[in-house]
Protein backbone atom coordinates (compact mmCIF):
# COMPACT_ATOMS: atom_id res chain seq x y z
CA UNK A 1 -22.39 33.50 -4.80
CA UNK A 2 -20.17 34.20 -7.78
CA UNK A 3 -17.28 32.76 -5.92
CA UNK A 4 -19.25 29.66 -4.77
CA UNK A 5 -20.06 29.13 -8.35
CA UNK A 6 -16.20 29.41 -9.35
CA UNK A 7 -15.16 27.21 -6.46
CA UNK A 8 -17.85 24.35 -7.20
CA UNK A 9 -17.10 24.89 -11.06
CA UNK A 10 -13.24 24.23 -10.44
CA UNK A 11 -13.98 21.31 -8.31
CA UNK A 12 -16.14 19.70 -10.83
CA UNK A 13 -13.56 20.58 -13.46
CA UNK A 14 -10.80 18.49 -11.27
CA UNK A 15 -13.10 15.68 -11.02
CA UNK A 16 -13.54 15.65 -14.73
CA UNK A 17 -9.93 15.65 -15.19
CA UNK A 18 -9.19 13.00 -12.56
CA UNK A 19 -11.85 10.71 -14.14
CA UNK A 20 -10.34 10.80 -17.82
CA UNK A 21 -6.84 11.77 -17.53
CA UNK A 22 -5.32 10.30 -14.34
CA UNK A 23 -4.60 6.73 -15.54
CA UNK A 24 -8.12 5.61 -14.74
CA UNK A 25 -7.07 5.22 -11.22
CA UNK A 26 -10.45 4.62 -9.95
CA UNK A 27 -11.10 1.34 -11.88
CA UNK A 28 -10.26 -1.65 -9.88
CA UNK A 29 -9.58 -3.93 -13.01
CA UNK A 30 -5.71 -4.01 -12.42
CA UNK A 31 -5.66 -7.73 -11.53
CA UNK A 32 -2.75 -10.39 -11.66
CA UNK A 33 -2.44 -11.38 -15.27
CA UNK A 34 -2.91 -14.84 -16.23
CA UNK A 35 -0.28 -16.82 -17.90
CA UNK A 36 0.46 -20.46 -18.85
CA UNK A 37 2.79 -22.74 -16.35
CA UNK A 38 6.30 -21.91 -16.91
CA UNK A 39 8.45 -24.91 -18.59
CA UNK A 40 10.38 -25.00 -15.35
CA UNK A 41 8.99 -23.82 -12.01
CA UNK A 42 11.90 -21.80 -10.58
CA UNK A 43 12.95 -22.06 -6.94
CA UNK A 44 11.51 -19.41 -4.76
CA UNK A 45 12.19 -18.12 -0.96
CA UNK A 46 9.56 -16.59 0.80
CA UNK A 47 10.80 -13.87 3.15
CA UNK A 48 8.45 -12.85 5.96
CA UNK A 49 9.84 -10.01 8.10
CA UNK A 50 8.28 -10.04 11.48
CA UNK A 51 8.44 -8.08 14.77
CA UNK A 52 6.13 -8.70 17.38
CA UNK A 53 3.66 -10.83 15.07
CA UNK A 54 2.94 -13.65 17.40
CA UNK A 55 -0.84 -12.69 17.39
CA UNK A 56 -1.26 -13.05 13.71
CA UNK A 57 1.26 -15.88 12.84
CA UNK A 58 -1.07 -18.67 13.38
CA UNK A 59 -3.55 -17.36 10.77
CA UNK A 60 -1.01 -16.46 8.08
CA UNK A 61 2.34 -18.81 8.43
CA UNK A 62 0.38 -21.79 7.78
CA UNK A 63 -1.07 -20.44 4.45
CA UNK A 64 2.68 -19.94 3.48
CA UNK A 65 4.15 -23.33 4.24
CA UNK A 66 1.23 -25.21 2.65
CA UNK A 67 1.48 -23.55 -0.88
CA UNK A 68 0.30 -25.57 -3.68
CA UNK A 69 3.69 -24.69 -5.72
CA UNK A 70 5.12 -27.25 -8.03
CA UNK A 71 8.88 -25.99 -7.83
CA UNK A 72 11.02 -25.60 -4.65
CA UNK A 73 10.12 -23.28 -2.03
CA UNK A 74 11.26 -22.31 1.29
CA UNK A 75 9.84 -19.99 4.17
CA UNK A 76 12.14 -17.58 5.94
CA UNK A 77 10.75 -15.75 8.93
CA UNK A 78 13.18 -13.03 10.09
CA UNK A 79 12.41 -12.38 13.74
CA UNK A 80 13.07 -8.66 13.87
CA UNK A 81 14.07 -8.46 17.57
CA UNK A 82 10.61 -9.35 18.69
CA UNK A 83 9.91 -9.53 22.60
CA UNK A 84 6.60 -11.80 22.34
CA UNK A 85 8.04 -14.94 21.12
CA UNK A 86 7.46 -14.55 17.42
CA UNK A 87 10.63 -16.76 16.30
CA UNK A 88 9.81 -19.57 18.58
CA UNK A 89 6.03 -19.64 17.53
CA UNK A 90 7.00 -19.98 13.95
CA UNK A 91 9.02 -23.06 14.70
CA UNK A 92 6.13 -24.43 16.65
CA UNK A 93 3.82 -23.98 13.83
CA UNK A 94 5.87 -25.69 11.39
CA UNK A 95 9.52 -26.99 11.62
CA UNK A 96 9.89 -26.42 8.00
CA UNK A 97 10.39 -22.72 8.50
CA UNK A 98 13.60 -21.26 8.76
CA UNK A 99 14.09 -18.55 11.34
CA UNK A 100 16.65 -15.74 11.04
CA UNK A 101 17.63 -13.26 13.86
CA UNK A 102 19.40 -10.51 12.60
CA UNK A 103 19.30 -8.29 15.69
CA UNK A 104 18.39 -4.82 16.04
CA UNK A 105 18.83 -2.58 12.84
CA UNK A 106 22.13 -0.49 12.60
CA UNK A 107 21.96 3.28 12.02
CA UNK A 108 20.44 4.22 8.72
CA UNK A 109 18.44 1.18 8.25
CA UNK A 110 14.54 0.92 8.94
CA UNK A 111 13.70 -2.30 10.84
CA UNK A 112 11.93 -3.95 8.09
CA UNK A 113 14.51 -3.27 5.49
CA UNK A 114 17.29 -4.80 7.66
CA UNK A 115 15.00 -7.79 8.19
CA UNK A 116 14.62 -8.15 4.33
CA UNK A 117 18.11 -8.04 3.80
CA UNK A 118 18.77 -10.82 6.37
CA UNK A 119 15.89 -12.84 4.76
CA UNK A 120 17.76 -12.37 1.02
CA UNK A 121 21.20 -13.34 2.64
CA UNK A 122 19.57 -16.46 3.98
CA UNK A 123 17.52 -17.41 0.65
CA UNK A 124 20.45 -18.74 -1.02
CA UNK A 125 20.59 -19.16 -4.79
CA UNK A 126 16.93 -18.84 -5.62
CA UNK A 127 15.42 -17.16 -8.73
CA UNK A 128 12.63 -15.38 -7.05
CA UNK A 129 12.23 -13.86 -3.74
CA UNK A 130 8.55 -13.15 -2.25
CA UNK A 131 8.62 -10.65 0.31
CA UNK A 132 5.24 -10.65 2.36
CA UNK A 133 4.18 -9.20 5.55
CA UNK A 134 3.42 -11.39 8.80
CA UNK A 135 -0.18 -10.31 8.63
CA UNK A 136 -0.66 -11.39 5.08
CA UNK A 137 -2.80 -14.88 4.40
CA UNK A 138 -2.31 -16.50 1.00
CA UNK A 139 -4.53 -18.57 -0.91
CA UNK A 140 -3.16 -21.96 -1.94
CA UNK A 141 -2.55 -21.07 -5.52
CA UNK A 142 -1.07 -17.50 -4.63
CA UNK A 143 2.63 -18.14 -5.19
CA UNK A 144 2.07 -20.41 -8.31
CA UNK A 145 -0.06 -17.34 -9.92
CA UNK A 146 2.56 -14.87 -9.09
CA UNK A 147 5.34 -16.85 -10.66
CA UNK A 148 3.06 -17.60 -13.76
CA UNK A 149 2.61 -13.68 -14.06
CA UNK A 150 6.39 -12.91 -13.55
CA UNK A 151 7.41 -15.60 -15.91
CA UNK A 152 4.58 -15.42 -18.58
CA UNK A 153 4.81 -11.62 -18.80
CA UNK A 154 8.61 -11.25 -18.16
CA UNK A 155 8.16 -9.04 -15.06
CA UNK A 156 11.03 -8.35 -12.38
CA UNK A 157 8.62 -7.13 -9.78
CA UNK A 158 5.03 -8.59 -9.18
CA UNK A 159 3.11 -6.91 -6.41
CA UNK A 160 -0.30 -7.39 -5.32
CA UNK A 161 -2.32 -4.76 -2.84
CA UNK A 162 -3.66 -7.15 -0.17
CA UNK A 163 -7.17 -6.93 0.52
CA UNK A 164 -7.27 -5.26 3.84
CA UNK A 165 -9.80 -6.28 6.66
CA UNK A 166 -13.20 -4.28 6.72
CA UNK A 167 -15.06 -5.61 9.61
CA UNK A 168 -15.44 -2.62 12.03
CA UNK A 169 -17.26 0.65 11.34
CA UNK A 170 -14.00 2.65 11.14
CA UNK A 171 -12.47 0.06 8.84
CA UNK A 172 -15.35 0.12 6.65
CA UNK A 173 -14.86 3.92 6.28
CA UNK A 174 -11.08 4.33 6.14
CA UNK A 175 -9.66 1.07 4.59
CA UNK A 176 -11.25 1.27 1.16
CA UNK A 177 -10.48 5.03 0.85
CA UNK A 178 -6.78 4.22 1.93
CA UNK A 179 -6.47 1.84 -1.16
CA UNK A 180 -8.39 4.55 -3.13
CA UNK A 181 -6.24 7.42 -2.20
CA UNK A 182 -2.89 5.15 -2.86
CA UNK A 183 -4.07 4.35 -6.38
CA UNK A 184 -5.10 8.11 -6.84
CA UNK A 185 -1.10 8.96 -5.83
CA UNK A 186 0.16 6.12 -7.92
CA UNK A 187 -2.32 4.95 -10.79
CA UNK A 188 -1.61 1.44 -11.23
CA UNK A 189 -1.76 1.74 -14.93
CA UNK A 190 0.93 4.23 -15.12
CA UNK A 191 3.16 2.26 -12.72
CA UNK A 192 2.68 -0.92 -14.87
CA UNK A 193 3.77 0.71 -17.97
CA UNK A 194 7.46 0.37 -19.00
CA UNK A 195 9.31 3.35 -19.00
CA UNK A 196 6.63 5.52 -17.21
CA UNK A 197 8.10 7.62 -14.21
CA UNK A 198 5.38 6.29 -11.80
CA UNK A 199 6.40 3.38 -9.94
CA UNK A 200 4.78 1.82 -7.02
CA UNK A 201 4.13 -1.71 -5.28
CA UNK A 202 2.58 -3.06 -2.32
CA UNK A 203 5.01 -4.21 0.66
CA UNK A 204 2.59 -6.91 1.87
CA UNK A 205 3.12 -8.99 -1.33
CA UNK A 206 5.95 -8.65 -3.75
CA UNK A 207 7.35 -11.21 -5.87
CA UNK A 208 10.97 -10.05 -7.15
CA UNK A 209 13.42 -11.53 -9.61
CA UNK A 210 16.43 -11.78 -7.41
CA UNK A 211 18.76 -11.02 -10.21
CA UNK A 212 16.75 -7.82 -10.88
CA UNK A 213 16.87 -7.08 -7.27
CA UNK A 214 20.98 -7.17 -7.37
CA UNK A 215 21.04 -5.09 -10.52
CA UNK A 216 19.27 -2.39 -8.60
CA UNK A 217 21.68 -2.36 -5.79
CA UNK A 218 19.83 -4.97 -3.62
CA UNK A 219 17.98 -3.99 -0.29
CA UNK A 220 20.75 -1.94 0.69
CA UNK A 221 19.85 0.68 -1.93
CA UNK A 222 16.88 1.49 -0.18
CA UNK A 223 17.88 0.84 3.56
CA UNK A 224 16.66 4.09 4.83
CA UNK A 225 13.17 4.24 3.10
CA UNK A 226 10.10 4.55 5.24
CA UNK A 227 7.93 3.65 2.49
CA UNK A 228 9.87 0.84 1.34
CA UNK A 229 7.39 -0.58 -1.28
CA UNK A 230 7.38 2.56 -3.47
CA UNK A 231 10.91 2.90 -2.91
CA UNK A 232 11.70 -0.60 -4.04
CA UNK A 233 9.52 -0.37 -7.02
CA UNK A 234 11.41 2.80 -7.89
CA UNK A 235 15.01 1.37 -7.55
CA UNK A 236 14.02 -1.72 -9.84
CA UNK A 237 12.23 0.55 -12.47
CA UNK A 238 15.18 2.92 -12.51
CA UNK A 239 17.46 -0.03 -13.28
CA UNK A 240 15.37 -1.30 -16.21
CA UNK A 241 13.12 -3.65 -14.64
CA UNK A 242 9.39 -4.17 -15.60
CA UNK A 243 7.18 -3.92 -12.62
CA UNK A 244 3.51 -4.65 -11.99
CA UNK A 245 1.06 -3.72 -9.35
CA UNK A 246 -2.67 -4.73 -9.09
CA UNK A 247 -5.36 -5.57 -6.40
CA UNK A 248 -5.37 -8.97 -4.92
CA UNK A 249 -7.72 -11.71 -5.36
CA UNK A 250 -5.99 -14.44 -3.34
CA UNK A 251 -4.08 -12.38 -0.60
CA UNK A 252 -5.76 -11.08 2.33
CA UNK A 253 -4.50 -8.85 5.48
CA UNK A 254 -5.74 -10.37 8.73
CA UNK A 255 -4.69 -7.38 10.82
CA UNK A 256 -7.50 -5.86 12.63
CA UNK A 257 -7.63 -1.88 12.89
CA UNK A 258 -10.67 -1.76 15.26
CA UNK A 259 -10.25 1.74 16.35
CA UNK A 260 -9.97 5.05 14.91
CA UNK A 261 -6.61 5.49 16.72
CA UNK A 262 -5.27 2.39 15.31
CA UNK A 263 -6.10 3.42 11.84
CA UNK A 264 -4.74 6.95 12.54
CA UNK A 265 -1.49 5.52 13.45
CA UNK A 266 -1.22 3.43 10.52
CA UNK A 267 -1.88 6.44 8.03
CA UNK A 268 -0.10 9.10 10.31
CA UNK A 269 3.26 7.14 10.58
CA UNK A 270 4.22 7.50 6.94
CA UNK A 271 1.93 10.24 5.47
CA UNK A 272 4.35 13.34 5.70
CA UNK A 273 7.14 11.03 4.38
CA UNK A 274 4.96 10.66 1.42
CA UNK A 275 5.10 14.46 1.01
CA UNK A 276 8.92 14.24 1.18
CA UNK A 277 8.70 16.16 4.42
CA UNK A 278 7.85 19.43 2.46
CA UNK A 279 6.02 22.35 4.03
CA UNK A 280 5.19 23.33 0.42
CA UNK A 281 3.78 19.93 -0.38
CA UNK A 282 1.86 19.81 2.80
CA UNK A 283 0.16 23.23 2.18
CA UNK A 284 -0.51 22.08 -1.28
CA UNK A 285 -2.24 18.92 -0.10
CA UNK A 286 -4.43 20.60 2.61
CA UNK A 287 -5.64 23.03 -0.10
CA UNK A 288 -6.15 20.37 -2.83
CA UNK A 289 -8.06 18.15 -0.40
CA UNK A 290 -10.16 20.89 0.67
CA UNK A 291 -10.89 21.98 -2.91
CA UNK A 292 -11.27 18.40 -4.49
CA UNK A 293 -13.18 16.93 -1.61
CA UNK A 294 -14.74 19.67 0.66
CA UNK A 295 -16.00 22.22 -1.88
CA UNK A 296 -18.74 19.79 -3.38
CA UNK A 297 -20.56 18.76 -0.35
CA UNK A 298 -20.17 22.46 0.95
CA UNK A 299 -21.30 24.22 -2.03
CA UNK A 300 -24.34 21.72 -2.31
CA UNK A 301 -25.37 22.63 1.09
CA UNK A 302 -25.10 26.40 0.69
CA UNK A 303 -26.85 26.44 -2.72
CA UNK A 304 -29.60 24.40 -1.23
CA UNK A 305 -29.74 26.69 2.18
CA UNK A 306 -29.55 29.71 -0.11
CA UNK A 307 -31.73 28.59 -2.93
CA UNK A 308 -29.27 29.14 -5.58
CA UNK A 309 -30.03 26.50 -8.03
CA UNK A 310 -26.80 27.00 -10.06
CA UNK A 311 -24.40 26.71 -6.92
CA UNK A 312 -26.54 23.67 -5.98
CA UNK A 313 -26.39 21.94 -9.38
CA UNK A 314 -22.63 22.51 -10.05
CA UNK A 315 -21.63 21.44 -6.13
CA UNK A 316 -23.80 18.17 -6.43
CA UNK A 317 -22.64 17.35 -9.87
CA UNK A 318 -19.09 17.38 -8.47
CA UNK A 319 -20.00 15.48 -5.27
CA UNK A 320 -21.94 12.73 -7.34
CA UNK A 321 -19.00 12.29 -9.91
CA UNK A 322 -16.65 12.01 -6.94
CA UNK A 323 -19.01 9.34 -5.35
CA UNK A 324 -19.30 7.60 -8.74
CA UNK A 325 -15.61 7.17 -9.07
CA UNK A 326 -15.36 5.75 -5.51
CA UNK A 327 -17.83 2.99 -6.27
CA UNK A 328 -15.56 0.68 -7.83
CA UNK A 329 -13.19 0.40 -4.73
CA UNK A 330 -16.48 0.02 -2.43
CA UNK A 331 -17.54 -2.84 -4.66
CA UNK A 332 -14.19 -4.50 -4.43
CA UNK A 333 -14.63 -4.25 -0.72
CA UNK A 334 -18.16 -5.44 -0.77
CA UNK A 335 -19.27 -2.14 0.96
CA UNK A 336 -22.79 -0.24 0.38
CA UNK A 337 -22.83 2.05 -2.40
CA UNK A 338 -24.31 4.83 -0.28
CA UNK A 339 -20.87 4.85 1.65
CA UNK A 340 -19.55 6.65 -1.38
CA UNK A 341 -21.42 10.07 -0.28
CA UNK A 342 -19.36 9.86 2.73
CA UNK A 343 -15.89 9.98 0.82
CA UNK A 344 -15.65 14.16 1.82
CA UNK A 345 -15.79 13.16 5.63
CA UNK A 346 -13.28 10.52 5.19
CA UNK A 347 -10.83 12.70 3.09
CA UNK A 348 -11.16 15.07 6.09
CA UNK A 349 -9.96 12.61 8.30
CA UNK A 350 -7.04 11.82 6.07
CA UNK A 351 -6.22 15.45 5.99
CA UNK A 352 -6.05 15.70 9.72
CA UNK A 353 -4.02 12.63 9.68
CA UNK A 354 -1.54 14.18 7.27
CA UNK A 355 -1.05 17.20 9.33
CA UNK A 356 -0.73 15.27 12.68
CA UNK A 357 2.20 13.21 10.79
CA UNK A 358 3.83 16.70 9.98
CA UNK A 359 3.42 17.89 13.61
CA UNK A 360 4.91 14.56 14.91
CA UNK A 361 7.97 15.13 12.38
CA UNK A 362 8.71 18.52 13.74
CA UNK A 363 8.25 17.29 17.26
CA UNK A 364 11.35 15.11 16.39
CA UNK A 365 9.31 11.67 16.55
CA UNK A 366 9.59 10.78 13.06
CA UNK A 367 7.95 7.75 11.66
CA UNK A 368 6.82 5.39 14.64
CA UNK A 369 5.69 1.92 14.16
CA UNK A 370 6.15 -1.30 16.21
CA UNK A 371 7.74 0.40 19.02
CA UNK A 372 10.36 2.08 16.92
CA UNK A 373 10.66 5.55 16.07
CA UNK A 374 12.75 6.68 13.05
CA UNK A 375 14.64 10.03 12.90
CA UNK A 376 12.57 12.81 11.84
CA UNK A 377 15.06 13.65 9.09
CA UNK A 378 14.88 10.19 7.34
CA UNK A 379 13.57 10.37 3.83
CA UNK A 380 12.17 7.63 1.56
CA UNK A 381 14.55 6.54 -1.01
């Protein structure tokens, strides 16, 4: 029983540390900062990498071509070797969209970054580039708000974590935790602090100052990155740029993940790359998740069954603190507060997804997405 008390106490101590000293990662108040209109609205090119996205384009592309933006803006859709008529559909939706077809990526490039490179080349002399995924729908004032924040706060990268879809039971269980764990890995406050080592962005919506991108080496500098958004933020920050990442209020993902299998693939495709393909980091992650998320409910139940009030109290305190720190994210996603008590179960699923990601890596399958499998040795930049 002494071992159980020690484990429960250690888990509680970790949660207290996370609550107070991990950049307040659990708070959801990092939102797009307001700013006055710029004296001159700079020209912007919206670059949309799209591979087999015909199913979602009718819901997203019109939101880009109809942006209420006072300056010059053009939308460039990069058809990344699609086989479902993505490019043709884009021109039918709006004849103002420029469709670029760069062909399959050469060795050493991921498909998305090869597409972004082609989009940047086609953008011409613009001051800002908005990189946004094909499944992302923007409110009419989204681009103007991004530009205000960039110009008003002298930011070279303004990125927003799009609000993901949460309609099915599995989406409600896994999606809010996905964003929560991302914030735990990359606390937004730390990432937004100039000079801090932490750097992160959300690939679904990133406004980049073109001059800053070129100073960082362009898209070519991160051409092999599987986790391209984090790699972009790191490259920009290393070159002296100021970056910002926050939760979105005007940007939503329409892509459905209706089954556990689809959510599993979304997480597992890059989970082991997040750990730099390191067995040591994988082992540490497994042990850490077990201690931080598994021990509190386990010791609570064991304490109750065995009638040990100390084990029960310490385990329950850790579990309740864990749930309390998850509540802000659940409120952001408009989910019931009681769902917070299920976070240990969700964390267990993420642990299995991460292990599966490593297994697929060592089977030589690497990161697989949209019909492409990247070499197992590929590292994020």
